[in-house]
Amino acid sequence: MGMWTIPDEVEQNSKFSAEELDEFIDTFAKLIVSKQMSAPAVMTLEMVKPLALVGQSTLMLFGPLLDLLFDPVKMEKFQAVIGDRKRIEQLMNAIENLELTNKETKEGVSSEQK
C-alpha cells in the first residue's frame, strides 16, 4: 500500500459495537425522514463519501466545541459513521428505504382519509 492509498477498511478501534452504530444509523435516518430532509441529506452524504477521512478528522478537530452544543456520545457515534464509507452507504440506504415505505403508505391512503 502506497503513501497516498486510502485503505478500504477502517480501523475497528471504535468504542462502539456494530449493533450500537446500526441503531444510531436507524435513529438518525428516521429523524432525517421525519424532518422531510431526505433528498438534501442523501445528496450531501453522496458528496461527502469520498472525503470520509477528511470529514472524520474535521469532526475530531471541532469535537470539543461540538460537545458543548450536542450530546458527546451521539457526536462520537456520528464521527464513527462519517469516518466509514460503508456506514455512510448504510445511512443513505436506510434513508431511502424509509422514504420509500413512507411513500407507499401515503399512496395507500385515499384522499378522503387525509
C-alpha atoms as a PDB file:
ATOM      1  CA  MET A   1       0.000   0.000   0.000  1.00  0.00           C
ATOM      2  CA  GLY A   2       1.416   3.315  -1.097  1.00  0.00           C
ATOM      3  CA  MET A   3       1.659   6.560   0.753  1.00  0.00           C
ATOM      4  CA  TRP A   4      -1.409   8.068  -0.947  1.00  0.00           C
ATOM      5  CA  THR A   5      -3.588   4.988  -0.838  1.00  0.00           C
ATOM      6  CA  ILE A   6      -6.650   5.226   1.384  1.00  0.00           C
ATOM      7  CA  PRO A   7      -7.471   1.864   2.943  1.00  0.00           C
ATOM      8  CA  ASP A   8     -10.859   0.316   2.139  1.00  0.00           C
ATOM      9  CA  GLU A   9     -11.324  -0.953   5.654  1.00  0.00           C
ATOM     10  CA  VAL A  10     -11.493   1.479   8.530  1.00  0.00           C
ATOM     11  CA  GLU A  11      -9.580   0.528  11.636  1.00  0.00           C
ATOM     12  CA  GLN A  12     -12.018  -1.124  14.001  1.00  0.00           C
ATOM     13  CA  ASN A  13     -10.786   0.614  17.154  1.00  0.00           C
ATOM     14  CA  SER A  14     -14.153   2.301  17.665  1.00  0.00           C
ATOM     15  CA  LYS A  15     -15.505   2.105  21.161  1.00  0.00           C
ATOM     16  CA  PHE A  16     -18.982   1.384  19.794  1.00  0.00           C
ATOM     17  CA  SER A  17     -20.167  -2.014  18.686  1.00  0.00           C
ATOM     18  CA  ALA A  18     -21.617  -2.607  15.249  1.00  0.00           C
ATOM     19  CA  GLU A  19     -25.092  -3.010  16.782  1.00  0.00           C
ATOM     20  CA  GLU A  20     -24.848   0.387  18.510  1.00  0.00           C
ATOM     21  CA  LEU A  21     -23.828   2.071  15.273  1.00  0.00           C
ATOM     22  CA  ASP A  22     -26.600   0.289  13.339  1.00  0.00           C
ATOM     23  CA  GLU A  23     -29.137   1.504  15.904  1.00  0.00           C
ATOM     24  CA  PHE A  24     -27.738   5.043  15.661  1.00  0.00           C
ATOM     25  CA  ILE A  25     -27.977   4.935  11.861  1.00  0.00           C
ATOM     26  CA  ASP A  26     -31.620   3.824  12.040  1.00  0.00           C
ATOM     27  CA  THR A  27     -32.480   6.552  14.545  1.00  0.00           C
ATOM     28  CA  PHE A  28     -30.666   9.213  12.539  1.00  0.00           C
ATOM     29  CA  ALA A  29     -32.357   8.088   9.314  1.00  0.00           C
ATOM     30  CA  LYS A  30     -35.785   8.276  10.979  1.00  0.00           C
ATOM     31  CA  LEU A  31     -35.004  11.806  12.169  1.00  0.00           C
ATOM     32  CA  ILE A  32     -33.967  12.913   8.681  1.00  0.00           C
ATOM     33  CA  VAL A  33     -37.070  11.404   7.072  1.00  0.00           C
ATOM     34  CA  SER A  34     -39.376  12.884   9.730  1.00  0.00           C
ATOM     35  CA  LYS A  35     -37.952  16.352   9.013  1.00  0.00           C
ATOM     36  CA  GLN A  36     -38.508  15.731   5.261  1.00  0.00           C
ATOM     37  CA  MET A  37     -34.820  16.302   4.517  1.00  0.00           C
ATOM     38  CA  SER A  38     -34.201  13.014   2.713  1.00  0.00           C
ATOM     39  CA  ALA A  39     -33.134  14.393  -0.667  1.00  0.00           C
ATOM     40  CA  PRO A  40     -30.681  17.015   0.676  1.00  0.00           C
ATOM     41  CA  ALA A  41     -29.273  14.525   3.187  1.00  0.00           C
ATOM     42  CA  VAL A  42     -28.676  11.815   0.588  1.00  0.00           C
ATOM     43  CA  MET A  43     -27.112  14.319  -1.823  1.00  0.00           C
ATOM     44  CA  THR A  44     -24.833  15.652   0.909  1.00  0.00           C
ATOM     45  CA  LEU A  45     -23.809  12.172   2.029  1.00  0.00           C
ATOM     46  CA  GLU A  46     -23.096  11.181  -1.564  1.00  0.00           C
ATOM     47  CA  MET A  47     -20.810  14.200  -1.974  1.00  0.00           C
ATOM     48  CA  VAL A  48     -19.093  13.654   1.378  1.00  0.00           C
ATOM     49  CA  LYS A  49     -18.492   9.926   0.932  1.00  0.00           C
ATOM     50  CA  PRO A  50     -15.178  10.294  -0.977  1.00  0.00           C
ATOM     51  CA  LEU A  51     -13.924  12.645   1.743  1.00  0.00           C
ATOM     52  CA  ALA A  52     -14.877  10.430   4.676  1.00  0.00           C
ATOM     53  CA  LEU A  53     -11.442  10.633   6.252  1.00  0.00           C
ATOM     54  CA  VAL A  54     -11.381  14.427   5.998  1.00  0.00           C
ATOM     55  CA  GLY A  55     -14.877  14.663   7.481  1.00  0.00           C
ATOM     56  CA  GLN A  56     -13.966  12.482  10.418  1.00  0.00           C
ATOM     57  CA  SER A  57     -10.792  14.487  11.031  1.00  0.00           C
ATOM     58  CA  THR A  58     -12.742  17.748  10.910  1.00  0.00           C
ATOM     59  CA  LEU A  59     -15.269  16.444  13.414  1.00  0.00           C
ATOM     60  CA  MET A  60     -12.419  15.396  15.672  1.00  0.00           C
ATOM     61  CA  LEU A  61     -10.864  18.849  15.386  1.00  0.00           C
ATOM     62  CA  PHE A  62     -14.075  20.656  16.280  1.00  0.00           C
ATOM     63  CA  GLY A  63     -15.154  17.919  18.708  1.00  0.00           C
ATOM     64  CA  PRO A  64     -14.716  19.892  21.935  1.00  0.00           C
ATOM     65  CA  LEU A  65     -16.778  22.771  20.560  1.00  0.00           C
ATOM     66  CA  LEU A  66     -19.474  20.470  19.195  1.00  0.00           C
ATOM     67  CA  ASP A  67     -19.661  18.656  22.544  1.00  0.00           C
ATOM     68  CA  LEU A  68     -20.918  21.896  24.059  1.00  0.00           C
ATOM     69  CA  LEU A  69     -23.795  22.037  21.584  1.00  0.00           C
ATOM     70  CA  PHE A  70     -24.675  18.357  21.114  1.00  0.00           C
ATOM     71  CA  ASP A  71     -24.640  15.131  23.096  1.00  0.00           C
ATOM     72  CA  PRO A  72     -20.982  13.972  23.169  1.00  0.00           C
ATOM     73  CA  VAL A  73     -21.869  10.276  22.796  1.00  0.00           C
ATOM     74  CA  LYS A  74     -24.021  10.970  19.739  1.00  0.00           C
ATOM     75  CA  MET A  75     -21.244  13.090  18.249  1.00  0.00           C
ATOM     76  CA  GLU A  76     -18.766  10.242  18.697  1.00  0.00           C
ATOM     77  CA  LYS A  77     -21.184   7.838  17.028  1.00  0.00           C
ATOM     78  CA  PHE A  78     -21.669  10.326  14.190  1.00  0.00           C
ATOM     79  CA  GLN A  79     -17.866  10.529  13.838  1.00  0.00           C
ATOM     80  CA  ALA A  80     -17.688   6.746  13.592  1.00  0.00           C
ATOM     81  CA  VAL A  81     -20.385   6.726  10.897  1.00  0.00           C
ATOM     82  CA  ILE A  82     -18.908   9.588   8.868  1.00  0.00           C
ATOM     83  CA  GLY A  83     -15.431   8.068   9.009  1.00  0.00           C
ATOM     84  CA  ASP A  84     -16.512   4.817   7.364  1.00  0.00           C
ATOM     85  CA  ARG A  85     -17.660   4.800   3.725  1.00  0.00           C
ATOM     86  CA  LYS A  86     -19.653   1.623   4.223  1.00  0.00           C
ATOM     87  CA  ARG A  87     -21.541   3.180   7.130  1.00  0.00           C
ATOM     88  CA  ILE A  88     -22.275   6.280   5.025  1.00  0.00           C
ATOM     89  CA  GLU A  89     -23.707   3.999   2.346  1.00  0.00           C
ATOM     90  CA  GLN A  90     -25.719   2.177   5.014  1.00  0.00           C
ATOM     91  CA  LEU A  91     -27.124   5.514   6.240  1.00  0.00           C
ATOM     92  CA  MET A  92     -28.091   6.544   2.708  1.00  0.00           C
ATOM     93  CA  ASN A  93     -29.817   3.191   2.129  1.00  0.00           C
ATOM     94  CA  ALA A  94     -31.701   3.489   5.431  1.00  0.00           C
ATOM     95  CA  ILE A  95     -32.932   6.978   4.492  1.00  0.00           C
ATOM     96  CA  GLU A  96     -34.004   5.853   1.023  1.00  0.00           C
ATOM     97  CA  ASN A  97     -35.775   2.744   2.370  1.00  0.00           C
ATOM     98  CA  LEU A  98     -37.678   4.772   4.968  1.00  0.00           C
ATOM     99  CA  GLU A  99     -38.644   7.304   2.325  1.00  0.00           C
ATOM    100  CA  LEU A 100     -39.960   4.516   0.085  1.00  0.00           C
ATOM    101  CA  THR A 101     -42.013   2.942   2.858  1.00  0.00           C
ATOM    102  CA  ASN A 102     -43.470   6.347   3.782  1.00  0.00           C
ATOM    103  CA  LYS A 103     -44.336   6.996   0.148  1.00  0.00           C
ATOM    104  CA  GLU A 104     -46.002   3.595  -0.208  1.00  0.00           C
ATOM    105  CA  THR A 105     -48.101   4.111   2.919  1.00  0.00           C
ATOM    106  CA  LYS A 106     -49.151   7.596   1.776  1.00  0.00           C
ATOM    107  CA  GLU A 107     -50.163   6.242  -1.636  1.00  0.00           C
ATOM    108  CA  GLY A 108     -52.257   3.578   0.080  1.00  0.00           C
ATOM    109  CA  VAL A 109     -54.274   6.255   1.899  1.00  0.00           C
ATOM    110  CA  SER A 110     -57.092   7.743  -0.154  1.00  0.00           C
ATOM    111  CA  SER A 111     -57.526  11.480  -0.477  1.00  0.00           C
ATOM    112  CA  GLU A 112     -60.689  11.316   1.671  1.00  0.00           C
ATOM    113  CA  GLN A 113     -58.742   9.789   4.573  1.00  0.00           C
ATOM    114  CA  LYS A 114     -56.087  12.521   4.528  1.00  0.00           C
END
